[in-house]
């Protein structure tokens, strides 16, 4: 198991290096001038030359690439000060270190992603398993029909509807806002409950249908039918044999969906006026803040690779044959 995890980790670092290299060369090949963006409007030729020298743009391309990649590991020196590792550069727009800015916004996006995943896993898989267990009954039909209705919703539609009902019309809840968990756990839960539930709703319908179909397929497997033929109760066979086998396709899609929730976080944060990684990526693109945009891209890639490693480990735990292959 340890060797399996090490292989996946080494592969992830190689992939991250290649993504960093591709991001750098795309950045260098951008039509906009790096130094001109940093200098801003009404930039004098002398100041433009000073910025080029300070950012190392007068150095050979290979040296610039080395400084960029090594800075992520060891840090770099900029005119505004030292950038500690992992150094992703300095924002043109705010003048702040990109890594510090990302870390300030990341807890909110992490709350959205992790909270949404917990909600749609519990509700979606739970509803799907119950529907499969009660196949053909009213419970099955209600769960299936509800999932089909929910699958047609989108965040930018469902968000304003929920805000209008729960916040603006009835006043039952306050406007969504982020409060650090360590400072006020109750405020953190209440402030993020609406965005988390709205984001989770879009995925819950998919997992309800997937869990139901996967469980029905497992119940038809030979080893499950053999267990039933030996006199084991339906509930015992359902929980002991069929449930674990049905998790493989769910875990497969889960790894993809949790990664894609970073993209969903952009829409969610814009809908609820939250300042997370998604909103930061939009601001970086609007302000032509290339270091910030590059930093968010690299951080997103790192986040996705971590999720993929955790997914592989989960695979190996569910089915030992995977880690031996």
C-alpha atoms as a PDB file:
ATOM      1  CA  UNK A   1       0.000   0.000   0.000  1.00  0.00           C
ATOM      2  CA  UNK A   2       2.877   2.364   0.821  1.00  0.00           C
ATOM      3  CA  UNK A   3       4.548   1.702  -2.531  1.00  0.00           C
ATOM      4  CA  UNK A   4       1.226   2.310  -4.266  1.00  0.00           C
ATOM      5  CA  UNK A   5       0.865   5.721  -2.577  1.00  0.00           C
ATOM      6  CA  UNK A   6       4.492   6.638  -3.335  1.00  0.00           C
ATOM      7  CA  UNK A   7       4.071   5.825  -7.036  1.00  0.00           C
ATOM      8  CA  UNK A   8       0.969   7.998  -7.237  1.00  0.00           C
ATOM      9  CA  UNK A   9       2.671  10.841  -5.346  1.00  0.00           C
ATOM     10  CA  UNK A  10       5.770  10.848  -7.555  1.00  0.00           C
ATOM     11  CA  UNK A  11       3.581  10.831 -10.645  1.00  0.00           C
ATOM     12  CA  UNK A  12       1.593  13.762  -9.259  1.00  0.00           C
ATOM     13  CA  UNK A  13       4.759  15.838  -8.698  1.00  0.00           C
ATOM     14  CA  UNK A  14       5.933  15.144 -12.247  1.00  0.00           C
ATOM     15  CA  UNK A  15       2.542  16.199 -13.568  1.00  0.00           C
ATOM     16  CA  UNK A  16       2.601  19.360 -11.449  1.00  0.00           C
ATOM     17  CA  UNK A  17       6.053  20.259 -12.818  1.00  0.00           C
ATOM     18  CA  UNK A  18       4.830  19.835 -16.395  1.00  0.00           C
ATOM     19  CA  UNK A  19       1.764  21.981 -15.650  1.00  0.00           C
ATOM     20  CA  UNK A  20       4.002  24.660 -14.131  1.00  0.00           C
ATOM     21  CA  UNK A  21       6.253  24.623 -17.195  1.00  0.00           C
ATOM     22  CA  UNK A  22       3.288  24.836 -19.576  1.00  0.00           C
ATOM     23  CA  UNK A  23       1.795  27.693 -17.549  1.00  0.00           C
ATOM     24  CA  UNK A  24       5.069  29.621 -17.592  1.00  0.00           C
ATOM     25  CA  UNK A  25       5.602  29.357 -21.346  1.00  0.00           C
ATOM     26  CA  UNK A  26       1.989  30.242 -22.062  1.00  0.00           C
ATOM     27  CA  UNK A  27       2.512  33.241 -19.806  1.00  0.00           C
ATOM     28  CA  UNK A  28       5.701  34.275 -21.620  1.00  0.00           C
ATOM     29  CA  UNK A  29       4.002  33.825 -25.003  1.00  0.00           C
ATOM     30  CA  UNK A  30       1.055  36.032 -23.989  1.00  0.00           C
ATOM     31  CA  UNK A  31       0.522  38.974 -26.362  1.00  0.00           C
ATOM     32  CA  UNK A  32       0.464  41.467 -23.483  1.00  0.00           C
ATOM     33  CA  UNK A  33       3.777  42.752 -22.215  1.00  0.00           C
ATOM     34  CA  UNK A  34       4.539  41.521 -18.703  1.00  0.00           C
ATOM     35  CA  UNK A  35       6.350  44.682 -17.661  1.00  0.00           C
ATOM     36  CA  UNK A  36       3.752  47.017 -19.202  1.00  0.00           C
ATOM     37  CA  UNK A  37       0.996  45.354 -17.195  1.00  0.00           C
ATOM     38  CA  UNK A  38       3.020  45.729 -14.009  1.00  0.00           C
ATOM     39  CA  UNK A  39       3.861  49.345 -14.767  1.00  0.00           C
ATOM     40  CA  UNK A  40       0.270  50.412 -15.441  1.00  0.00           C
ATOM     41  CA  UNK A  41      -0.952  53.483 -17.280  1.00  0.00           C
ATOM     42  CA  UNK A  42       1.197  56.558 -17.943  1.00  0.00           C
ATOM     43  CA  UNK A  43       4.346  54.489 -17.572  1.00  0.00           C
ATOM     44  CA  UNK A  44       7.582  56.262 -18.459  1.00  0.00           C
ATOM     45  CA  UNK A  45      10.221  54.431 -20.519  1.00  0.00           C
ATOM     46  CA  UNK A  46      12.702  54.604 -17.632  1.00  0.00           C
ATOM     47  CA  UNK A  47      10.258  53.064 -15.168  1.00  0.00           C
ATOM     48  CA  UNK A  48       9.387  50.381 -17.720  1.00  0.00           C
ATOM     49  CA  UNK A  49      13.074  49.526 -18.094  1.00  0.00           C
ATOM     50  CA  UNK A  50      13.507  49.392 -14.297  1.00  0.00           C
ATOM     51  CA  UNK A  51      10.565  47.010 -13.967  1.00  0.00           C
ATOM     52  CA  UNK A  52      11.973  44.766 -16.689  1.00  0.00           C
ATOM     53  CA  UNK A  53      15.254  44.569 -14.818  1.00  0.00           C
ATOM     54  CA  UNK A  54      13.576  44.023 -11.430  1.00  0.00           C
ATOM     55  CA  UNK A  55      11.375  41.212 -12.760  1.00  0.00           C
ATOM     56  CA  UNK A  56      14.281  39.614 -14.594  1.00  0.00           C
ATOM     57  CA  UNK A  57      12.709  40.031 -18.012  1.00  0.00           C
ATOM     58  CA  UNK A  58      16.056  41.096 -19.443  1.00  0.00           C
ATOM     59  CA  UNK A  59      17.487  37.650 -18.611  1.00  0.00           C
ATOM     60  CA  UNK A  60      17.545  34.669 -21.011  1.00  0.00           C
ATOM     61  CA  UNK A  61      14.324  32.682 -21.171  1.00  0.00           C
ATOM     62  CA  UNK A  62      15.933  29.613 -19.585  1.00  0.00           C
ATOM     63  CA  UNK A  63      17.077  31.704 -16.611  1.00  0.00           C
ATOM     64  CA  UNK A  64      13.594  33.190 -16.214  1.00  0.00           C
ATOM     65  CA  UNK A  65      12.090  29.696 -16.216  1.00  0.00           C
ATOM     66  CA  UNK A  66      14.578  28.511 -13.606  1.00  0.00           C
ATOM     67  CA  UNK A  67      13.866  31.500 -11.356  1.00  0.00           C
ATOM     68  CA  UNK A  68      10.118  30.899 -11.651  1.00  0.00           C
ATOM     69  CA  UNK A  69      10.244  27.164 -10.868  1.00  0.00           C
ATOM     70  CA  UNK A  70      12.903  27.394  -8.172  1.00  0.00           C
ATOM     71  CA  UNK A  71      11.024  30.269  -6.547  1.00  0.00           C
ATOM     72  CA  UNK A  72       8.117  27.937  -5.864  1.00  0.00           C
ATOM     73  CA  UNK A  73      10.468  25.767  -3.793  1.00  0.00           C
ATOM     74  CA  UNK A  74      12.964  28.248  -2.333  1.00  0.00           C
ATOM     75  CA  UNK A  75      11.344  31.689  -2.692  1.00  0.00           C
ATOM     76  CA  UNK A  76      12.364  34.790  -4.671  1.00  0.00           C
ATOM     77  CA  UNK A  77      13.364  38.395  -4.142  1.00  0.00           C
ATOM     78  CA  UNK A  78      11.243  41.167  -5.674  1.00  0.00           C
ATOM     79  CA  UNK A  79      11.510  44.965  -5.489  1.00  0.00           C
ATOM     80  CA  UNK A  80       8.638  44.915  -3.005  1.00  0.00           C
ATOM     81  CA  UNK A  81      10.405  42.400  -0.750  1.00  0.00           C
ATOM     82  CA  UNK A  82      11.210  38.731  -0.339  1.00  0.00           C
ATOM     83  CA  UNK A  83       8.604  36.214  -1.464  1.00  0.00           C
ATOM     84  CA  UNK A  84       8.821  33.122   0.725  1.00  0.00           C
ATOM     85  CA  UNK A  85       8.308  29.642  -0.677  1.00  0.00           C
ATOM     86  CA  UNK A  86       6.038  28.642  -2.233  1.00  0.00           C
ATOM     87  CA  UNK A  87       6.427  31.849  -4.231  1.00  0.00           C
ATOM     88  CA  UNK A  88       3.897  32.366  -7.028  1.00  0.00           C
ATOM     89  CA  UNK A  89       4.839  35.973  -7.705  1.00  0.00           C
ATOM     90  CA  UNK A  90       3.486  39.393  -6.796  1.00  0.00           C
ATOM     91  CA  UNK A  91       0.089  40.679  -7.881  1.00  0.00           C
ATOM     92  CA  UNK A  92       0.229  43.582 -10.340  1.00  0.00           C
ATOM     93  CA  UNK A  93      -3.113  44.922  -9.149  1.00  0.00           C
ATOM     94  CA  UNK A  94      -2.774  44.820  -5.349  1.00  0.00           C
ATOM     95  CA  UNK A  95       0.988  44.448  -4.869  1.00  0.00           C
ATOM     96  CA  UNK A  96       0.422  41.529  -2.464  1.00  0.00           C
ATOM     97  CA  UNK A  97       2.106  38.157  -2.642  1.00  0.00           C
ATOM     98  CA  UNK A  98      -0.022  35.813  -4.745  1.00  0.00           C
ATOM     99  CA  UNK A  99       0.372  32.859  -2.377  1.00  0.00           C
ATOM    100  CA  UNK A 100      -0.778  34.908   0.624  1.00  0.00           C
ATOM    101  CA  UNK A 101      -3.793  36.167  -1.324  1.00  0.00           C
ATOM    102  CA  UNK A 102      -4.758  32.623  -2.331  1.00  0.00           C
ATOM    103  CA  UNK A 103      -4.406  31.371   1.239  1.00  0.00           C
ATOM    104  CA  UNK A 104      -6.657  34.176   2.481  1.00  0.00           C
ATOM    105  CA  UNK A 105      -9.390  33.132   0.047  1.00  0.00           C
ATOM    106  CA  UNK A 106      -8.912  29.351   0.155  1.00  0.00           C
ATOM    107  CA  UNK A 107     -10.791  28.603   3.442  1.00  0.00           C
ATOM    108  CA  UNK A 108     -14.020  29.894   1.906  1.00  0.00           C
ATOM    109  CA  UNK A 109     -13.662  27.799  -1.249  1.00  0.00           C
ATOM    110  CA  UNK A 110     -12.629  24.785   0.841  1.00  0.00           C
ATOM    111  CA  UNK A 111     -15.787  25.218   2.924  1.00  0.00           C
ATOM    112  CA  UNK A 112     -17.897  25.298  -0.244  1.00  0.00           C
ATOM    113  CA  UNK A 113     -16.180  22.283  -1.799  1.00  0.00           C
ATOM    114  CA  UNK A 114     -15.900  20.072   1.292  1.00  0.00           C
ATOM    115  CA  UNK A 115     -19.283  21.085   2.674  1.00  0.00           C
ATOM    116  CA  UNK A 116     -21.000  20.540  -0.654  1.00  0.00           C
ATOM    117  CA  UNK A 117     -19.334  17.129  -1.070  1.00  0.00           C
ATOM    118  CA  UNK A 118     -20.429  16.001   2.408  1.00  0.00           C
ATOM    119  CA  UNK A 119     -24.021  17.078   1.772  1.00  0.00           C
ATOM    120  CA  UNK A 120     -24.430  15.504  -1.655  1.00  0.00           C
ATOM    121  CA  UNK A 121     -22.692  12.285  -0.584  1.00  0.00           C
ATOM    122  CA  UNK A 122     -24.883  11.800   2.471  1.00  0.00           C
ATOM    123  CA  UNK A 123     -28.132  12.834   0.798  1.00  0.00           C
ATOM    124  CA  UNK A 124     -27.433  11.516  -2.697  1.00  0.00           C
ATOM    125  CA  UNK A 125     -25.942   8.131  -1.802  1.00  0.00           C
ATOM    126  CA  UNK A 126     -28.383   7.672   1.057  1.00  0.00           C
ATOM    127  CA  UNK A 127     -31.399   8.347  -1.172  1.00  0.00           C
ATOM    128  CA  UNK A 128     -29.989   6.139  -3.937  1.00  0.00           C
ATOM    129  CA  UNK A 129     -29.337   3.220  -1.587  1.00  0.00           C
ATOM    130  CA  UNK A 130     -32.819   3.462  -0.077  1.00  0.00           C
ATOM    131  CA  UNK A 131     -34.353   3.639  -3.557  1.00  0.00           C
ATOM    132  CA  UNK A 132     -32.450   0.501  -4.599  1.00  0.00           C
ATOM    133  CA  UNK A 133     -33.402  -1.333  -1.409  1.00  0.00           C
ATOM    134  CA  UNK A 134     -37.076  -0.397  -1.951  1.00  0.00           C
ATOM    135  CA  UNK A 135     -36.976  -0.834  -5.704  1.00  0.00           C
ATOM    136  CA  UNK A 136     -40.338  -0.481  -7.412  1.00  0.00           C
ATOM    137  CA  UNK A 137     -42.067   1.050  -4.398  1.00  0.00           C
ATOM    138  CA  UNK A 138     -43.349   4.584  -3.894  1.00  0.00           C
ATOM    139  CA  UNK A 139     -40.104   5.499  -2.114  1.00  0.00           C
ATOM    140  CA  UNK A 140     -38.110   4.506  -5.184  1.00  0.00           C
ATOM    141  CA  UNK A 141     -40.346   6.497  -7.513  1.00  0.00           C
ATOM    142  CA  UNK A 142     -40.232   9.623  -5.333  1.00  0.00           C
ATOM    143  CA  UNK A 143     -36.417   9.511  -5.015  1.00  0.00           C
ATOM    144  CA  UNK A 144     -35.952   8.938  -8.747  1.00  0.00           C
ATOM    145  CA  UNK A 145     -38.452  11.616  -9.768  1.00  0.00           C
ATOM    146  CA  UNK A 146     -37.004  14.184  -7.360  1.00  0.00           C
ATOM    147  CA  UNK A 147     -33.477  13.555  -8.626  1.00  0.00           C
ATOM    148  CA  UNK A 148     -34.625  14.113 -12.210  1.00  0.00           C
ATOM    149  CA  UNK A 149     -36.213  17.442 -11.275  1.00  0.00           C
ATOM    150  CA  UNK A 150     -33.178  18.626  -9.297  1.00  0.00           C
ATOM    151  CA  UNK A 151     -30.807  17.694 -12.127  1.00  0.00           C
ATOM    152  CA  UNK A 152     -32.390  20.394 -14.295  1.00  0.00           C
ATOM    153  CA  UNK A 153     -31.495  23.208 -11.876  1.00  0.00           C
ATOM    154  CA  UNK A 154     -28.452  25.459 -12.219  1.00  0.00           C
ATOM    155  CA  UNK A 155     -26.628  27.430  -9.546  1.00  0.00           C
ATOM    156  CA  UNK A 156     -27.262  30.817 -11.140  1.00  0.00           C
ATOM    157  CA  UNK A 157     -31.021  30.042 -11.143  1.00  0.00           C
ATOM    158  CA  UNK A 158     -31.438  28.167  -7.872  1.00  0.00           C
ATOM    159  CA  UNK A 159     -29.254  30.587  -5.879  1.00  0.00           C
ATOM    160  CA  UNK A 160     -31.353  33.745  -6.451  1.00  0.00           C
ATOM    161  CA  UNK A 161     -34.574  31.757  -5.887  1.00  0.00           C
ATOM    162  CA  UNK A 162     -33.369  30.457  -2.517  1.00  0.00           C
ATOM    163  CA  UNK A 163     -32.110  33.921  -1.518  1.00  0.00           C
ATOM    164  CA  UNK A 164     -35.456  35.482  -2.418  1.00  0.00           C
ATOM    165  CA  UNK A 165     -37.422  32.952  -0.370  1.00  0.00           C
ATOM    166  CA  UNK A 166     -35.194  32.495   2.686  1.00  0.00           C
ATOM    167  CA  UNK A 167     -33.512  35.902   2.954  1.00  0.00           C
ATOM    168  CA  UNK A 168     -35.353  38.718   1.211  1.00  0.00           C
ATOM    169  CA  UNK A 169     -39.020  37.639   1.498  1.00  0.00           C
ATOM    170  CA  UNK A 170     -39.251  35.770   4.799  1.00  0.00           C
ATOM    171  CA  UNK A 171     -36.107  36.951   6.579  1.00  0.00           C
ATOM    172  CA  UNK A 172     -35.600  33.471   8.008  1.00  0.00           C
ATOM    173  CA  UNK A 173     -31.879  33.626   7.249  1.00  0.00           C
ATOM    174  CA  UNK A 174     -29.242  36.300   6.747  1.00  0.00           C
ATOM    175  CA  UNK A 175     -27.257  37.026   3.605  1.00  0.00           C
ATOM    176  CA  UNK A 176     -24.554  34.374   3.065  1.00  0.00           C
ATOM    177  CA  UNK A 177     -21.169  35.394   4.389  1.00  0.00           C
ATOM    178  CA  UNK A 178     -17.976  33.690   5.417  1.00  0.00           C
ATOM    179  CA  UNK A 179     -16.840  33.706   9.038  1.00  0.00           C
ATOM    180  CA  UNK A 180     -13.695  31.717   9.964  1.00  0.00           C
ATOM    181  CA  UNK A 181     -14.555  28.436  11.631  1.00  0.00           C
ATOM    182  CA  UNK A 182     -12.038  28.974  14.424  1.00  0.00           C
ATOM    183  CA  UNK A 183     -13.536  32.347  15.310  1.00  0.00           C
ATOM    184  CA  UNK A 184     -17.246  31.583  15.248  1.00  0.00           C
ATOM    185  CA  UNK A 185     -18.324  27.990  14.410  1.00  0.00           C
ATOM    186  CA  UNK A 186     -22.030  28.862  14.563  1.00  0.00           C
ATOM    187  CA  UNK A 187     -21.588  31.912  12.336  1.00  0.00           C
ATOM    188  CA  UNK A 188     -19.491  29.851   9.932  1.00  0.00           C
ATOM    189  CA  UNK A 189     -22.208  27.198   9.666  1.00  0.00           C
ATOM    190  CA  UNK A 190     -25.116  29.621   9.325  1.00  0.00           C
ATOM    191  CA  UNK A 191     -23.336  31.956   6.915  1.00  0.00           C
ATOM    192  CA  UNK A 192     -22.283  29.214   4.497  1.00  0.00           C
ATOM    193  CA  UNK A 193     -25.282  26.883   4.756  1.00  0.00           C
ATOM    194  CA  UNK A 194     -27.213  28.354   1.807  1.00  0.00           C
ATOM    195  CA  UNK A 195     -24.293  28.379  -0.701  1.00  0.00           C
ATOM    196  CA  UNK A 196     -23.201  24.885   0.361  1.00  0.00           C
ATOM    197  CA  UNK A 197     -26.696  23.424   0.008  1.00  0.00           C
ATOM    198  CA  UNK A 198     -27.282  25.143  -3.345  1.00  0.00           C
ATOM    199  CA  UNK A 199     -23.962  23.845  -4.709  1.00  0.00           C
ATOM    200  CA  UNK A 200     -24.677  20.361  -3.327  1.00  0.00           C
ATOM    201  CA  UNK A 201     -28.164  20.252  -4.861  1.00  0.00           C
ATOM    202  CA  UNK A 202     -26.728  20.250  -8.376  1.00  0.00           C
ATOM    203  CA  UNK A 203     -24.694  17.113  -7.601  1.00  0.00           C
ATOM    204  CA  UNK A 204     -27.147  15.312  -5.285  1.00  0.00           C
ATOM    205  CA  UNK A 205     -29.457  14.317  -8.129  1.00  0.00           C
ATOM    206  CA  UNK A 206     -26.610  12.690 -10.051  1.00  0.00           C
ATOM    207  CA  UNK A 207     -25.428  10.665  -7.053  1.00  0.00           C
ATOM    208  CA  UNK A 208     -28.939   9.507  -6.223  1.00  0.00           C
ATOM    209  CA  UNK A 209     -29.364   7.968  -9.671  1.00  0.00           C
ATOM    210  CA  UNK A 210     -25.812   6.618  -9.731  1.00  0.00           C
ATOM    211  CA  UNK A 211     -26.025   4.998  -6.279  1.00  0.00           C
ATOM    212  CA  UNK A 212     -29.365   3.431  -7.154  1.00  0.00           C
ATOM    213  CA  UNK A 213     -28.208   1.929 -10.456  1.00  0.00           C
ATOM    214  CA  UNK A 214     -24.880   0.785  -9.023  1.00  0.00           C
ATOM    215  CA  UNK A 215     -26.544  -0.927  -6.068  1.00  0.00           C
ATOM    216  CA  UNK A 216     -29.116  -2.658  -8.295  1.00  0.00           C
ATOM    217  CA  UNK A 217     -26.258  -3.922 -10.470  1.00  0.00           C
ATOM    218  CA  UNK A 218     -24.398  -5.238  -7.427  1.00  0.00           C
ATOM    219  CA  UNK A 219     -27.476  -7.005  -6.107  1.00  0.00           C
ATOM    220  CA  UNK A 220     -27.545  -9.015  -9.368  1.00  0.00           C
ATOM    221  CA  UNK A 221     -23.927 -10.204  -8.991  1.00  0.00           C
ATOM    222  CA  UNK A 222     -23.255 -13.915  -8.473  1.00  0.00           C
ATOM    223  CA  UNK A 223     -21.599 -13.553  -5.062  1.00  0.00           C
ATOM    224  CA  UNK A 224     -24.565 -11.578  -3.747  1.00  0.00           C
ATOM    225  CA  UNK A 225     -27.069 -14.118  -5.026  1.00  0.00           C
ATOM    226  CA  UNK A 226     -24.952 -16.906  -3.532  1.00  0.00           C
ATOM    227  CA  UNK A 227     -25.009 -15.177  -0.147  1.00  0.00           C
ATOM    228  CA  UNK A 228     -28.796 -14.890  -0.368  1.00  0.00           C
ATOM    229  CA  UNK A 229     -29.032 -18.579  -1.344  1.00  0.00           C
ATOM    230  CA  UNK A 230     -27.090 -19.504   1.796  1.00  0.00           C
ATOM    231  CA  UNK A 231     -29.888 -18.041   3.874  1.00  0.00           C
ATOM    232  CA  UNK A 232     -28.368 -14.652   4.768  1.00  0.00           C
ATOM    233  CA  UNK A 233     -30.884 -11.897   5.318  1.00  0.00           C
ATOM    234  CA  UNK A 234     -31.478  -9.344   2.599  1.00  0.00           C
ATOM    235  CA  UNK A 235     -30.403  -6.471   4.838  1.00  0.00           C
ATOM    236  CA  UNK A 236     -27.147  -8.213   5.835  1.00  0.00           C
ATOM    237  CA  UNK A 237     -26.261  -9.010   2.219  1.00  0.00           C
ATOM    238  CA  UNK A 238     -27.149  -5.451   1.214  1.00  0.00           C
ATOM    239  CA  UNK A 239     -24.824  -3.867   3.796  1.00  0.00           C
ATOM    240  CA  UNK A 240     -22.067  -6.495   3.881  1.00  0.00           C
ATOM    241  CA  UNK A 241     -21.566  -7.411   0.226  1.00  0.00           C
ATOM    242  CA  UNK A 242     -23.424  -5.161  -2.211  1.00  0.00           C
ATOM    243  CA  UNK A 243     -22.756  -1.761  -0.605  1.00  0.00           C
ATOM    244  CA  UNK A 244     -18.959  -1.854  -0.791  1.00  0.00           C
ATOM    245  CA  UNK A 245     -18.898  -3.061  -4.383  1.00  0.00           C
ATOM    246  CA  UNK A 246     -21.247  -0.287  -5.460  1.00  0.00           C
ATOM    247  CA  UNK A 247     -18.801   2.392  -4.273  1.00  0.00           C
ATOM    248  CA  UNK A 248     -16.272   1.936  -7.100  1.00  0.00           C
ATOM    249  CA  UNK A 249     -18.178   3.901  -9.785  1.00  0.00           C
ATOM    250  CA  UNK A 250     -19.253   6.456  -7.183  1.00  0.00           C
ATOM    251  CA  UNK A 251     -15.658   7.100  -6.107  1.00  0.00           C
ATOM    252  CA  UNK A 252     -14.654   7.406  -9.774  1.00  0.00           C
ATOM    253  CA  UNK A 253     -17.124  10.216 -10.393  1.00  0.00           C
ATOM    254  CA  UNK A 254     -16.516  11.742  -6.959  1.00  0.00           C
ATOM    255  CA  UNK A 255     -12.873  12.472  -7.749  1.00  0.00           C
ATOM    256  CA  UNK A 256     -13.886  14.249 -10.947  1.00  0.00           C
ATOM    257  CA  UNK A 257     -16.771  16.135  -9.353  1.00  0.00           C
ATOM    258  CA  UNK A 258     -14.828  17.417  -6.352  1.00  0.00           C
ATOM    259  CA  UNK A 259     -12.211  18.755  -8.751  1.00  0.00           C
ATOM    260  CA  UNK A 260     -14.862  20.340 -10.953  1.00  0.00           C
ATOM    261  CA  UNK A 261     -16.445  21.964  -7.894  1.00  0.00           C
ATOM    262  CA  UNK A 262     -13.625  24.494  -8.082  1.00  0.00           C
ATOM    263  CA  UNK A 263     -15.240  25.580 -11.348  1.00  0.00           C
ATOM    264  CA  UNK A 264     -18.650  25.469  -9.732  1.00  0.00           C
ATOM    265  CA  UNK A 265     -17.301  27.592  -6.916  1.00  0.00           C
ATOM    266  CA  UNK A 266     -16.760  30.433  -9.406  1.00  0.00           C
ATOM    267  CA  UNK A 267     -20.474  30.596 -10.201  1.00  0.00           C
ATOM    268  CA  UNK A 268     -21.482  30.024  -6.576  1.00  0.00           C
ATOM    269  CA  UNK A 269     -19.198  32.739  -5.239  1.00  0.00           C
ATOM    270  CA  UNK A 270     -20.383  35.223  -7.855  1.00  0.00           C
ATOM    271  CA  UNK A 271     -24.034  34.340  -7.184  1.00  0.00           C
ATOM    272  CA  UNK A 272     -23.716  34.854  -3.423  1.00  0.00           C
ATOM    273  CA  UNK A 273     -21.076  37.647  -3.553  1.00  0.00           C
ATOM    274  CA  UNK A 274     -18.464  35.566  -1.743  1.00  0.00           C
ATOM    275  CA  UNK A 275     -14.732  36.259  -1.952  1.00  0.00           C
ATOM    276  CA  UNK A 276     -13.112  32.894  -2.619  1.00  0.00           C
ATOM    277  CA  UNK A 277     -10.686  31.337  -5.093  1.00  0.00           C
ATOM    278  CA  UNK A 278     -13.273  31.422  -7.865  1.00  0.00           C
ATOM    279  CA  UNK A 279     -13.884  35.126  -7.460  1.00  0.00           C
ATOM    280  CA  UNK A 280     -10.123  35.652  -7.257  1.00  0.00           C
ATOM    281  CA  UNK A 281      -9.642  33.940 -10.629  1.00  0.00           C
ATOM    282  CA  UNK A 282     -12.285  36.179 -12.203  1.00  0.00           C
ATOM    283  CA  UNK A 283     -10.715  39.315 -10.706  1.00  0.00           C
ATOM    284  CA  UNK A 284      -7.293  38.269 -11.983  1.00  0.00           C
ATOM    285  CA  UNK A 285      -8.613  37.833 -15.508  1.00  0.00           C
ATOM    286  CA  UNK A 286     -10.570  41.112 -15.471  1.00  0.00           C
ATOM    287  CA  UNK A 287      -7.625  43.115 -14.132  1.00  0.00           C
ATOM    288  CA  UNK A 288      -5.139  41.351 -16.457  1.00  0.00           C
ATOM    289  CA  UNK A 289      -3.226  40.346 -13.351  1.00  0.00           C
ATOM    290  CA  UNK A 290      -1.114  37.604 -14.922  1.00  0.00           C
ATOM    291  CA  UNK A 291       0.827  36.494 -11.808  1.00  0.00           C
ATOM    292  CA  UNK A 292      -2.448  36.118  -9.907  1.00  0.00           C
ATOM    293  CA  UNK A 293      -4.027  34.200 -12.781  1.00  0.00           C
ATOM    294  CA  UNK A 294      -0.998  31.917 -13.039  1.00  0.00           C
ATOM    295  CA  UNK A 295      -0.986  31.354  -9.287  1.00  0.00           C
ATOM    296  CA  UNK A 296      -4.646  30.373  -9.225  1.00  0.00           C
ATOM    297  CA  UNK A 297      -4.081  28.001 -12.166  1.00  0.00           C
ATOM    298  CA  UNK A 298      -1.161  26.273 -10.441  1.00  0.00           C
ATOM    299  CA  UNK A 299      -2.967  26.086  -7.121  1.00  0.00           C
ATOM    300  CA  UNK A 300      -6.027  24.628  -8.840  1.00  0.00           C
ATOM    301  CA  UNK A 301      -3.851  22.027 -10.539  1.00  0.00           C
ATOM    302  CA  UNK A 302      -2.274  21.109  -7.207  1.00  0.00           C
ATOM    303  CA  UNK A 303      -5.704  20.798  -5.602  1.00  0.00           C
ATOM    304  CA  UNK A 304      -6.928  18.502  -8.387  1.00  0.00           C
ATOM    305  CA  UNK A 305      -3.822  16.302  -8.141  1.00  0.00           C
ATOM    306  CA  UNK A 306      -4.312  15.921  -4.384  1.00  0.00           C
ATOM    307  CA  UNK A 307      -7.924  14.886  -4.971  1.00  0.00           C
ATOM    308  CA  UNK A 308      -6.780  12.342  -7.568  1.00  0.00           C
ATOM    309  CA  UNK A 309      -4.262  10.826  -5.140  1.00  0.00           C
ATOM    310  CA  UNK A 310      -6.935  10.533  -2.440  1.00  0.00           C
ATOM    311  CA  UNK A 311      -9.243   8.930  -5.000  1.00  0.00           C
ATOM    312  CA  UNK A 312      -6.573   6.359  -5.902  1.00  0.00           C
ATOM    313  CA  UNK A 313      -6.029   5.558  -2.221  1.00  0.00           C
ATOM    314  CA  UNK A 314      -9.771   5.100  -1.770  1.00  0.00           C
ATOM    315  CA  UNK A 315      -9.812   2.761  -4.768  1.00  0.00           C
ATOM    316  CA  UNK A 316      -7.064   0.655  -3.204  1.00  0.00           C
ATOM    317  CA  UNK A 317      -8.902   0.519   0.111  1.00  0.00           C
ATOM    318  CA  UNK A 318     -12.182  -0.572  -1.485  1.00  0.00           C
ATOM    319  CA  UNK A 319     -10.642  -3.079  -3.912  1.00  0.00           C
ATOM    320  CA  UNK A 320      -7.153  -4.472  -3.024  1.00  0.00           C
ATOM    321  CA  UNK A 321      -6.756  -5.746  -6.600  1.00  0.00           C
ATOM    322  CA  UNK A 322      -6.233  -2.141  -7.762  1.00  0.00           C
ATOM    323  CA  UNK A 323      -3.123  -1.510  -5.659  1.00  0.00           C
ATOM    324  CA  UNK A 324      -1.626  -4.830  -6.812  1.00  0.00           C
ATOM    325  CA  UNK A 325      -2.093  -4.072 -10.502  1.00  0.00           C
END
